[in-house]
Amino acid sequence: MAGVALDLAFSADPQLQEALRADAGAWLDPLAGFELWQALLSAWLGDLAHELAPELRSAAYSLGLSLVDDVAIAALNNDWRGQSGPTDVLAFAARDEGPEQAPPMPLPDPAEPEPLELGDIVISVETAARQAPEHGNDLEGELRFLASHGLLHLLGWDHHDQASLTAMLARQEALLARCAGGRPERR
């Protein structure tokens, strides 16, 4: 599978507990984690390219991925969804927000494709660690599962009923099986 160009803004809270950092391995490391996530998300975007709506097809993408603690995600969950407490993953799609009459953007360099901004994925590492055993995952597998879930949300997937949830989970399993060393993460 071919990946696509990806401008990734990656951050992992440096204050996360040392035990979580050890369990997550390189996926939380500022440098190695960036490279792992960049390669994985790029591959997933390449794998999904043929399924995307025309307005989401691009030679290059931009997105943010933040790995945070429960306090940070609970604040976002309250501010943006009106729900108290932490959740495992939040996805903020760029195409869902913004003023209708935004000022014109500067013209990009035609030699390089302008990345299509998808939005941001925020994952609580603490919640992921708690729920990973319930889902038959280690922490690394749970983080990948949640990232795939967030990415599909940024690309317009939703799970407003059981049929759409089943379809979304099946698509996540396919991404994980194809991009995580051939071993699907099970839910």
N, C-alpha and C. Protein backbone atom coordinates (compact mmCIF):
# COMPACT_ATOMS: atom_id res chain seq x y z
N MET A 1 0.84 -1.16 0.00
CA MET A 1 0.00 0.00 0.00
C MET A 1 0.89 1.22 0.00
N ALA A 2 0.48 2.19 -0.78
CA ALA A 2 1.26 3.42 -0.87
C ALA A 2 0.70 4.45 0.10
N GLY A 3 1.60 5.11 0.78
CA GLY A 3 1.18 6.19 1.66
C GLY A 3 1.05 7.47 0.87
N VAL A 4 0.53 8.46 1.52
CA VAL A 4 0.41 9.78 0.91
C VAL A 4 1.24 10.76 1.73
N ALA A 5 1.51 11.92 1.14
CA ALA A 5 2.24 12.95 1.87
C ALA A 5 1.40 13.40 3.06
N LEU A 6 2.02 13.50 4.21
CA LEU A 6 1.30 13.87 5.42
C LEU A 6 2.12 14.86 6.23
N ASP A 7 1.52 16.00 6.52
CA ASP A 7 2.09 17.00 7.43
C ASP A 7 1.43 16.74 8.78
N LEU A 8 2.16 16.09 9.68
CA LEU A 8 1.62 15.67 10.97
C LEU A 8 2.13 16.58 12.08
N ALA A 9 1.21 17.10 12.86
CA ALA A 9 1.56 17.82 14.09
C ALA A 9 1.32 16.82 15.23
N PHE A 10 2.40 16.30 15.80
CA PHE A 10 2.31 15.25 16.83
C PHE A 10 2.79 15.78 18.17
N SER A 11 2.03 15.44 19.21
CA SER A 11 2.49 15.75 20.56
C SER A 11 2.03 14.66 21.51
N ALA A 12 2.89 14.37 22.48
CA ALA A 12 2.57 13.44 23.56
C ALA A 12 2.91 14.15 24.86
N ASP A 13 1.95 14.22 25.75
CA ASP A 13 2.12 14.91 27.02
C ASP A 13 3.34 14.37 27.76
N PRO A 14 4.34 15.20 27.99
CA PRO A 14 5.55 14.72 28.67
C PRO A 14 5.31 14.39 30.14
N GLN A 15 4.17 14.77 30.69
CA GLN A 15 3.87 14.51 32.10
C GLN A 15 3.15 13.19 32.32
N LEU A 16 2.91 12.42 31.24
CA LEU A 16 2.25 11.12 31.42
C LEU A 16 3.10 10.22 32.31
N GLN A 17 2.43 9.38 33.09
CA GLN A 17 3.12 8.49 34.02
C GLN A 17 4.17 7.64 33.30
N GLU A 18 5.26 7.39 33.99
CA GLU A 18 6.36 6.61 33.41
C GLU A 18 5.90 5.21 33.03
N ALA A 19 5.02 4.61 33.82
CA ALA A 19 4.52 3.26 33.49
C ALA A 19 3.77 3.27 32.15
N LEU A 20 3.01 4.32 31.90
CA LEU A 20 2.30 4.44 30.61
C LEU A 20 3.29 4.62 29.47
N ARG A 21 4.30 5.42 29.71
CA ARG A 21 5.32 5.64 28.68
C ARG A 21 6.02 4.33 28.33
N ALA A 22 6.31 3.53 29.34
CA ALA A 22 6.97 2.24 29.10
C ALA A 22 6.05 1.30 28.33
N ASP A 23 4.77 1.25 28.72
CA ASP A 23 3.81 0.36 28.05
C ASP A 23 3.55 0.78 26.60
N ALA A 24 3.59 2.07 26.33
CA ALA A 24 3.32 2.56 24.97
C ALA A 24 4.56 2.50 24.09
N GLY A 25 5.71 2.27 24.68
CA GLY A 25 6.93 2.16 23.89
C GLY A 25 7.22 3.43 23.11
N ALA A 26 7.71 3.26 21.90
CA ALA A 26 8.12 4.39 21.07
C ALA A 26 6.95 5.26 20.61
N TRP A 27 5.72 4.77 20.74
CA TRP A 27 4.55 5.52 20.24
C TRP A 27 4.34 6.84 20.98
N LEU A 28 4.94 7.00 22.16
CA LEU A 28 4.83 8.26 22.91
C LEU A 28 6.09 9.10 22.84
N ASP A 29 7.12 8.59 22.22
CA ASP A 29 8.38 9.31 22.12
C ASP A 29 8.24 10.46 21.12
N PRO A 30 8.72 11.66 21.48
CA PRO A 30 8.56 12.80 20.57
C PRO A 30 9.13 12.58 19.17
N LEU A 31 10.28 11.92 19.05
CA LEU A 31 10.88 11.71 17.72
C LEU A 31 10.46 10.39 17.09
N ALA A 32 10.69 9.29 17.80
CA ALA A 32 10.33 7.99 17.24
C ALA A 32 8.83 7.86 17.06
N GLY A 33 8.07 8.39 18.02
CA GLY A 33 6.61 8.36 17.92
C GLY A 33 6.12 9.13 16.72
N PHE A 34 6.72 10.29 16.49
CA PHE A 34 6.35 11.09 15.32
C PHE A 34 6.52 10.25 14.05
N GLU A 35 7.67 9.60 13.92
CA GLU A 35 7.94 8.81 12.71
C GLU A 35 6.98 7.63 12.59
N LEU A 36 6.70 6.94 13.70
CA LEU A 36 5.76 5.81 13.67
C LEU A 36 4.36 6.27 13.26
N TRP A 37 3.87 7.31 13.92
CA TRP A 37 2.53 7.81 13.62
C TRP A 37 2.45 8.37 12.19
N GLN A 38 3.48 9.07 11.78
CA GLN A 38 3.48 9.63 10.42
C GLN A 38 3.37 8.51 9.39
N ALA A 39 4.17 7.47 9.54
CA ALA A 39 4.15 6.36 8.59
C ALA A 39 2.80 5.63 8.62
N LEU A 40 2.28 5.39 9.81
CA LEU A 40 1.02 4.67 9.95
C LEU A 40 -0.16 5.46 9.38
N LEU A 41 -0.27 6.71 9.78
CA LEU A 41 -1.39 7.54 9.29
C LEU A 41 -1.30 7.77 7.79
N SER A 42 -0.09 7.96 7.27
CA SER A 42 0.11 8.12 5.83
C SER A 42 -0.34 6.87 5.08
N ALA A 43 0.03 5.70 5.61
CA ALA A 43 -0.37 4.44 4.98
C ALA A 43 -1.88 4.26 5.02
N TRP A 44 -2.50 4.58 6.15
CA TRP A 44 -3.95 4.47 6.25
C TRP A 44 -4.63 5.40 5.25
N LEU A 45 -4.15 6.62 5.15
CA LEU A 45 -4.74 7.56 4.19
C LEU A 45 -4.58 7.05 2.76
N GLY A 46 -3.45 6.46 2.45
CA GLY A 46 -3.25 5.86 1.14
C GLY A 46 -4.21 4.71 0.90
N ASP A 47 -4.42 3.90 1.92
CA ASP A 47 -5.33 2.76 1.83
C ASP A 47 -6.78 3.21 1.64
N LEU A 48 -7.14 4.32 2.25
CA LEU A 48 -8.52 4.82 2.19
C LEU A 48 -8.80 5.69 0.97
N ALA A 49 -7.76 6.08 0.23
CA ALA A 49 -7.90 7.08 -0.84
C ALA A 49 -9.03 6.78 -1.81
N HIS A 50 -9.15 5.53 -2.23
CA HIS A 50 -10.17 5.18 -3.22
C HIS A 50 -11.60 5.26 -2.68
N GLU A 51 -11.75 5.28 -1.36
CA GLU A 51 -13.08 5.32 -0.74
C GLU A 51 -13.55 6.74 -0.41
N LEU A 52 -12.66 7.70 -0.48
CA LEU A 52 -12.97 9.04 0.00
C LEU A 52 -13.89 9.79 -0.96
N ALA A 53 -14.70 10.65 -0.37
CA ALA A 53 -15.51 11.56 -1.17
C ALA A 53 -14.58 12.46 -1.97
N PRO A 54 -15.00 12.90 -3.15
CA PRO A 54 -14.11 13.72 -3.99
C PRO A 54 -13.50 14.92 -3.27
N GLU A 55 -14.26 15.57 -2.40
CA GLU A 55 -13.73 16.75 -1.71
C GLU A 55 -12.66 16.40 -0.68
N LEU A 56 -12.50 15.12 -0.37
CA LEU A 56 -11.48 14.68 0.59
C LEU A 56 -10.29 14.01 -0.09
N ARG A 57 -10.30 13.94 -1.40
CA ARG A 57 -9.18 13.32 -2.11
C ARG A 57 -8.09 14.36 -2.33
N SER A 58 -6.87 13.97 -1.96
CA SER A 58 -5.76 14.90 -2.06
C SER A 58 -4.46 14.11 -2.17
N ALA A 59 -3.45 14.74 -2.73
CA ALA A 59 -2.12 14.12 -2.79
C ALA A 59 -1.38 14.32 -1.47
N ALA A 60 -1.86 15.24 -0.64
CA ALA A 60 -1.21 15.53 0.64
C ALA A 60 -2.25 15.94 1.67
N TYR A 61 -1.99 15.58 2.92
CA TYR A 61 -2.91 15.89 4.02
C TYR A 61 -2.13 16.51 5.17
N SER A 62 -2.89 17.16 6.04
CA SER A 62 -2.35 17.71 7.26
C SER A 62 -3.32 17.36 8.38
N LEU A 63 -2.78 16.91 9.51
CA LEU A 63 -3.63 16.65 10.67
C LEU A 63 -2.79 16.70 11.93
N GLY A 64 -3.48 16.84 13.06
CA GLY A 64 -2.82 16.85 14.35
C GLY A 64 -3.18 15.61 15.14
N LEU A 65 -2.22 15.09 15.90
CA LEU A 65 -2.44 13.96 16.79
C LEU A 65 -1.83 14.31 18.14
N SER A 66 -2.66 14.34 19.16
CA SER A 66 -2.21 14.67 20.52
C SER A 66 -2.55 13.51 21.45
N LEU A 67 -1.55 13.04 22.18
CA LEU A 67 -1.73 11.99 23.17
C LEU A 67 -1.63 12.66 24.54
N VAL A 68 -2.74 12.62 25.27
CA VAL A 68 -2.87 13.42 26.49
C VAL A 68 -3.31 12.55 27.66
N ASP A 69 -3.47 13.18 28.83
CA ASP A 69 -3.97 12.48 30.01
C ASP A 69 -5.47 12.68 30.12
N ASP A 70 -6.07 12.06 31.15
CA ASP A 70 -7.52 12.14 31.34
C ASP A 70 -7.99 13.56 31.65
N VAL A 71 -7.19 14.32 32.37
CA VAL A 71 -7.59 15.69 32.72
C VAL A 71 -7.74 16.54 31.46
N ALA A 72 -6.78 16.45 30.56
CA ALA A 72 -6.83 17.25 29.33
C ALA A 72 -8.00 16.85 28.45
N ILE A 73 -8.23 15.54 28.29
CA ILE A 73 -9.32 15.14 27.39
C ILE A 73 -10.68 15.39 28.04
N ALA A 74 -10.76 15.32 29.37
CA ALA A 74 -12.02 15.62 30.05
C ALA A 74 -12.40 17.09 29.82
N ALA A 75 -11.42 17.98 29.86
CA ALA A 75 -11.69 19.40 29.61
C ALA A 75 -12.20 19.60 28.19
N LEU A 76 -11.57 18.96 27.22
CA LEU A 76 -12.04 19.06 25.83
C LEU A 76 -13.42 18.45 25.66
N ASN A 77 -13.64 17.32 26.30
CA ASN A 77 -14.93 16.64 26.22
C ASN A 77 -16.05 17.52 26.77
N ASN A 78 -15.75 18.22 27.85
CA ASN A 78 -16.73 19.13 28.45
C ASN A 78 -16.95 20.36 27.56
N ASP A 79 -15.86 20.96 27.10
CA ASP A 79 -15.95 22.18 26.31
C ASP A 79 -16.61 21.96 24.96
N TRP A 80 -16.31 20.87 24.29
CA TRP A 80 -16.76 20.67 22.91
C TRP A 80 -17.98 19.78 22.78
N ARG A 81 -18.17 18.86 23.74
CA ARG A 81 -19.30 17.93 23.63
C ARG A 81 -20.30 18.09 24.76
N GLY A 82 -19.97 18.92 25.76
CA GLY A 82 -20.87 19.12 26.89
C GLY A 82 -21.00 17.89 27.76
N GLN A 83 -20.01 17.00 27.71
CA GLN A 83 -20.06 15.79 28.52
C GLN A 83 -18.93 15.83 29.54
N SER A 84 -19.25 15.44 30.76
CA SER A 84 -18.24 15.48 31.81
C SER A 84 -17.43 14.19 31.81
N GLY A 85 -16.20 14.30 32.27
CA GLY A 85 -15.32 13.15 32.40
C GLY A 85 -14.53 12.88 31.15
N PRO A 86 -13.54 12.00 31.30
CA PRO A 86 -12.68 11.66 30.17
C PRO A 86 -13.38 10.72 29.19
N THR A 87 -12.89 10.71 27.99
CA THR A 87 -13.29 9.76 26.96
C THR A 87 -12.01 9.23 26.33
N ASP A 88 -12.11 8.25 25.47
CA ASP A 88 -10.88 7.67 24.91
C ASP A 88 -10.32 8.47 23.75
N VAL A 89 -11.17 8.92 22.83
CA VAL A 89 -10.68 9.63 21.65
C VAL A 89 -11.70 10.70 21.23
N LEU A 90 -11.17 11.84 20.82
CA LEU A 90 -11.99 12.90 20.24
C LEU A 90 -11.40 13.23 18.88
N ALA A 91 -12.28 13.51 17.93
CA ALA A 91 -11.84 13.91 16.59
C ALA A 91 -12.51 15.23 16.25
N PHE A 92 -11.71 16.19 15.86
CA PHE A 92 -12.20 17.52 15.49
C PHE A 92 -11.93 17.73 14.01
N ALA A 93 -12.94 17.47 13.19
CA ALA A 93 -12.78 17.56 11.74
C ALA A 93 -12.72 19.02 11.30
N ALA A 94 -11.72 19.37 10.54
CA ALA A 94 -11.53 20.75 10.08
C ALA A 94 -12.65 21.18 9.16
N ARG A 95 -13.19 20.28 8.39
CA ARG A 95 -14.22 20.65 7.43
C ARG A 95 -15.56 20.91 8.09
N ASP A 96 -15.70 20.58 9.37
CA ASP A 96 -16.94 20.83 10.10
C ASP A 96 -16.97 22.20 10.76
N GLU A 97 -15.84 22.90 10.75
CA GLU A 97 -15.74 24.14 11.49
C GLU A 97 -15.35 25.28 10.59
N GLY A 98 -15.45 26.48 11.10
CA GLY A 98 -14.93 27.64 10.39
C GLY A 98 -16.04 28.52 9.85
N PRO A 99 -15.72 29.79 9.69
CA PRO A 99 -16.71 30.72 9.17
C PRO A 99 -16.98 30.48 7.68
N GLU A 100 -18.19 30.77 7.29
CA GLU A 100 -18.58 30.60 5.89
C GLU A 100 -17.79 31.52 4.97
N GLN A 101 -17.50 32.71 5.41
CA GLN A 101 -16.81 33.70 4.58
C GLN A 101 -15.39 33.92 5.08
N ALA A 102 -14.60 32.85 5.10
CA ALA A 102 -13.22 32.96 5.57
C ALA A 102 -12.41 33.79 4.58
N PRO A 103 -11.40 34.51 5.07
CA PRO A 103 -10.56 35.29 4.16
C PRO A 103 -9.79 34.35 3.23
N PRO A 104 -9.45 34.81 2.05
CA PRO A 104 -8.72 33.94 1.11
C PRO A 104 -7.35 33.57 1.66
N MET A 105 -6.97 32.33 1.39
CA MET A 105 -5.67 31.83 1.82
C MET A 105 -4.63 32.23 0.77
N PRO A 106 -3.37 32.41 1.18
CA PRO A 106 -2.33 32.70 0.19
C PRO A 106 -2.19 31.53 -0.79
N LEU A 107 -1.84 31.82 -2.00
CA LEU A 107 -1.68 30.77 -3.00
C LEU A 107 -0.47 29.91 -2.66
N PRO A 108 -0.64 28.57 -2.74
CA PRO A 108 0.47 27.68 -2.42
C PRO A 108 1.49 27.65 -3.55
N ASP A 109 2.67 27.15 -3.21
CA ASP A 109 3.71 26.92 -4.21
C ASP A 109 3.23 25.79 -5.11
N PRO A 110 3.08 26.04 -6.41
CA PRO A 110 2.54 24.99 -7.29
C PRO A 110 3.44 23.76 -7.40
N ALA A 111 4.71 23.87 -7.00
CA ALA A 111 5.61 22.73 -7.07
C ALA A 111 5.29 21.69 -6.01
N GLU A 112 4.66 22.10 -4.92
CA GLU A 112 4.31 21.18 -3.84
C GLU A 112 2.80 21.19 -3.65
N PRO A 113 2.19 19.99 -3.49
CA PRO A 113 0.74 19.97 -3.28
C PRO A 113 0.40 20.61 -1.93
N GLU A 114 -0.65 21.39 -1.93
CA GLU A 114 -1.12 21.99 -0.69
C GLU A 114 -1.84 20.91 0.12
N PRO A 115 -1.40 20.64 1.34
CA PRO A 115 -2.06 19.59 2.12
C PRO A 115 -3.50 19.97 2.46
N LEU A 116 -4.37 19.01 2.39
CA LEU A 116 -5.75 19.18 2.79
C LEU A 116 -5.82 19.00 4.30
N GLU A 117 -6.25 20.03 5.01
CA GLU A 117 -6.34 19.97 6.48
C GLU A 117 -7.54 19.11 6.87
N LEU A 118 -7.25 18.03 7.62
CA LEU A 118 -8.31 17.14 8.07
C LEU A 118 -8.83 17.49 9.46
N GLY A 119 -7.96 17.97 10.34
CA GLY A 119 -8.38 18.30 11.69
C GLY A 119 -7.44 17.69 12.71
N ASP A 120 -7.98 17.39 13.88
CA ASP A 120 -7.16 16.91 14.99
C ASP A 120 -7.79 15.70 15.65
N ILE A 121 -6.92 14.78 16.08
CA ILE A 121 -7.29 13.61 16.86
C ILE A 121 -6.63 13.77 18.22
N VAL A 122 -7.41 13.59 19.29
CA VAL A 122 -6.88 13.66 20.64
C VAL A 122 -7.22 12.35 21.33
N ILE A 123 -6.22 11.70 21.89
CA ILE A 123 -6.40 10.40 22.54
C ILE A 123 -5.93 10.50 23.99
N SER A 124 -6.74 9.99 24.91
CA SER A 124 -6.32 9.89 26.31
C SER A 124 -5.56 8.58 26.48
N VAL A 125 -4.27 8.69 26.79
CA VAL A 125 -3.44 7.51 27.00
C VAL A 125 -3.89 6.77 28.26
N GLU A 126 -4.31 7.52 29.28
CA GLU A 126 -4.76 6.88 30.52
C GLU A 126 -6.02 6.05 30.29
N THR A 127 -7.00 6.60 29.56
CA THR A 127 -8.22 5.84 29.27
C THR A 127 -7.89 4.66 28.37
N ALA A 128 -7.03 4.86 27.39
CA ALA A 128 -6.63 3.76 26.50
C ALA A 128 -6.01 2.62 27.30
N ALA A 129 -5.17 2.96 28.27
CA ALA A 129 -4.52 1.93 29.09
C ALA A 129 -5.54 1.16 29.93
N ARG A 130 -6.55 1.85 30.45
CA ARG A 130 -7.57 1.18 31.26
C ARG A 130 -8.43 0.24 30.42
N GLN A 131 -8.77 0.65 29.21
CA GLN A 131 -9.70 -0.16 28.42
C GLN A 131 -9.01 -1.18 27.51
N ALA A 132 -7.72 -1.07 27.32
CA ALA A 132 -7.01 -2.01 26.43
C ALA A 132 -7.25 -3.47 26.80
N PRO A 133 -7.12 -3.87 28.09
CA PRO A 133 -7.34 -5.29 28.42
C PRO A 133 -8.77 -5.76 28.10
N GLU A 134 -9.75 -4.89 28.27
CA GLU A 134 -11.14 -5.24 27.95
C GLU A 134 -11.31 -5.57 26.47
N HIS A 135 -10.47 -4.94 25.63
CA HIS A 135 -10.57 -5.11 24.18
C HIS A 135 -9.54 -6.08 23.62
N GLY A 136 -8.79 -6.72 24.51
CA GLY A 136 -7.80 -7.70 24.06
C GLY A 136 -6.56 -7.08 23.43
N ASN A 137 -6.27 -5.83 23.79
CA ASN A 137 -5.12 -5.12 23.24
C ASN A 137 -4.09 -4.82 24.32
N ASP A 138 -2.86 -4.61 23.88
CA ASP A 138 -1.90 -3.96 24.74
C ASP A 138 -2.08 -2.45 24.51
N LEU A 139 -1.35 -1.63 25.23
CA LEU A 139 -1.55 -0.18 25.10
C LEU A 139 -1.22 0.30 23.69
N GLU A 140 -0.16 -0.22 23.09
CA GLU A 140 0.19 0.19 21.73
C GLU A 140 -0.95 -0.12 20.76
N GLY A 141 -1.51 -1.30 20.86
CA GLY A 141 -2.62 -1.70 19.98
C GLY A 141 -3.85 -0.84 20.20
N GLU A 142 -4.13 -0.51 21.45
CA GLU A 142 -5.29 0.33 21.74
C GLU A 142 -5.10 1.74 21.19
N LEU A 143 -3.89 2.27 21.30
CA LEU A 143 -3.62 3.59 20.74
C LEU A 143 -3.81 3.59 19.23
N ARG A 144 -3.34 2.55 18.55
CA ARG A 144 -3.54 2.46 17.10
C ARG A 144 -5.02 2.33 16.77
N PHE A 145 -5.74 1.54 17.55
CA PHE A 145 -7.18 1.39 17.31
C PHE A 145 -7.89 2.73 17.43
N LEU A 146 -7.58 3.46 18.49
CA LEU A 146 -8.23 4.76 18.71
C LEU A 146 -7.82 5.77 17.64
N ALA A 147 -6.57 5.73 17.20
CA ALA A 147 -6.14 6.63 16.12
C ALA A 147 -6.88 6.32 14.83
N SER A 148 -7.08 5.04 14.53
CA SER A 148 -7.83 4.68 13.31
C SER A 148 -9.27 5.16 13.42
N HIS A 149 -9.85 5.04 14.60
CA HIS A 149 -11.22 5.51 14.84
C HIS A 149 -11.31 7.02 14.62
N GLY A 150 -10.36 7.75 15.22
CA GLY A 150 -10.35 9.20 15.06
C GLY A 150 -10.16 9.61 13.61
N LEU A 151 -9.25 8.93 12.90
CA LEU A 151 -9.01 9.26 11.50
C LEU A 151 -10.27 9.05 10.66
N LEU A 152 -10.96 7.94 10.88
CA LEU A 152 -12.20 7.72 10.13
C LEU A 152 -13.23 8.81 10.41
N HIS A 153 -13.31 9.27 11.66
CA HIS A 153 -14.21 10.40 11.97
C HIS A 153 -13.80 11.64 11.19
N LEU A 154 -12.50 11.93 11.12
CA LEU A 154 -12.05 13.11 10.36
C LEU A 154 -12.42 13.00 8.89
N LEU A 155 -12.53 11.78 8.39
CA LEU A 155 -12.84 11.55 6.98
C LEU A 155 -14.35 11.37 6.73
N GLY A 156 -15.16 11.64 7.77
CA GLY A 156 -16.60 11.64 7.57
C GLY A 156 -17.35 10.41 8.04
N TRP A 157 -16.65 9.41 8.53
CA TRP A 157 -17.34 8.23 9.05
C TRP A 157 -18.00 8.60 10.38
N ASP A 158 -19.11 7.94 10.67
CA ASP A 158 -19.80 8.17 11.94
C ASP A 158 -20.47 6.86 12.35
N HIS A 159 -20.96 6.82 13.57
CA HIS A 159 -21.62 5.61 14.07
C HIS A 159 -22.88 6.01 14.84
N HIS A 160 -23.83 6.57 14.10
CA HIS A 160 -25.08 7.03 14.70
C HIS A 160 -26.07 5.89 14.92
N ASP A 161 -25.82 4.71 14.36
CA ASP A 161 -26.66 3.54 14.61
C ASP A 161 -25.78 2.29 14.57
N GLN A 162 -26.37 1.14 14.89
CA GLN A 162 -25.58 -0.09 14.98
C GLN A 162 -24.98 -0.49 13.64
N ALA A 163 -25.69 -0.30 12.55
CA ALA A 163 -25.17 -0.68 11.23
C ALA A 163 -23.94 0.15 10.87
N SER A 164 -24.00 1.46 11.13
CA SER A 164 -22.84 2.30 10.80
C SER A 164 -21.67 2.02 11.74
N LEU A 165 -21.94 1.71 12.99
CA LEU A 165 -20.88 1.33 13.92
C LEU A 165 -20.21 0.04 13.46
N THR A 166 -20.99 -0.93 13.07
CA THR A 166 -20.44 -2.20 12.59
C THR A 166 -19.56 -1.97 11.36
N ALA A 167 -20.02 -1.15 10.43
CA ALA A 167 -19.23 -0.85 9.22
C ALA A 167 -17.94 -0.12 9.58
N MET A 168 -18.02 0.83 10.51
CA MET A 168 -16.84 1.59 10.89
C MET A 168 -15.82 0.69 11.59
N LEU A 169 -16.28 -0.16 12.49
CA LEU A 169 -15.38 -1.08 13.19
C LEU A 169 -14.73 -2.06 12.21
N ALA A 170 -15.49 -2.52 11.23
CA ALA A 170 -14.92 -3.42 10.22
C ALA A 170 -13.83 -2.71 9.42
N ARG A 171 -14.06 -1.44 9.09
CA ARG A 171 -13.05 -0.69 8.33
C ARG A 171 -11.80 -0.47 9.17
N GLN A 172 -11.99 -0.22 10.48
CA GLN A 172 -10.84 -0.08 11.37
C GLN A 172 -10.05 -1.37 11.43
N GLU A 173 -10.72 -2.50 11.56
CA GLU A 173 -10.04 -3.79 11.62
C GLU A 173 -9.21 -4.02 10.35
N ALA A 174 -9.77 -3.64 9.20
CA ALA A 174 -9.05 -3.80 7.94
C ALA A 174 -7.80 -2.92 7.92
N LEU A 175 -7.93 -1.69 8.37
CA LEU A 175 -6.77 -0.80 8.43
C LEU A 175 -5.70 -1.37 9.35
N LEU A 176 -6.11 -1.81 10.51
CA LEU A 176 -5.16 -2.33 11.49
C LEU A 176 -4.50 -3.62 11.01
N ALA A 177 -5.26 -4.48 10.37
CA ALA A 177 -4.71 -5.74 9.87
C ALA A 177 -3.69 -5.48 8.77
N ARG A 178 -3.96 -4.49 7.96
CA ARG A 178 -3.09 -4.21 6.82
C ARG A 178 -1.86 -3.39 7.22
N CYS A 179 -1.99 -2.55 8.24
CA CYS A 179 -0.93 -1.59 8.56
C CYS A 179 -0.20 -1.87 9.85
N ALA A 180 -0.61 -2.83 10.62
CA ALA A 180 0.04 -3.09 11.92
C ALA A 180 0.73 -4.44 11.91
N GLY A 181 1.53 -4.65 10.90
CA GLY A 181 2.28 -5.90 10.84
C GLY A 181 1.43 -7.11 10.54
N GLY A 182 0.24 -6.89 9.96
CA GLY A 182 -0.62 -7.99 9.58
C GLY A 182 -1.42 -8.56 10.73
N ARG A 183 -1.28 -8.03 11.93
CA ARG A 183 -2.01 -8.54 13.09
C ARG A 183 -3.13 -7.59 13.46
N PRO A 184 -4.37 -7.94 13.17
CA PRO A 184 -5.46 -7.04 13.51
C PRO A 184 -5.65 -6.94 15.02
N GLU A 185 -6.00 -5.75 15.47
CA GLU A 185 -6.33 -5.56 16.87
C GLU A 185 -7.81 -5.93 17.01
N ARG A 186 -8.15 -6.72 17.97
CA ARG A 186 -9.52 -7.19 18.13
C ARG A 186 -10.26 -6.35 19.15
N ARG A 187 -11.53 -6.12 18.88
CA ARG A 187 -12.42 -5.41 19.81
C ARG A 187 -13.37 -6.39 20.39
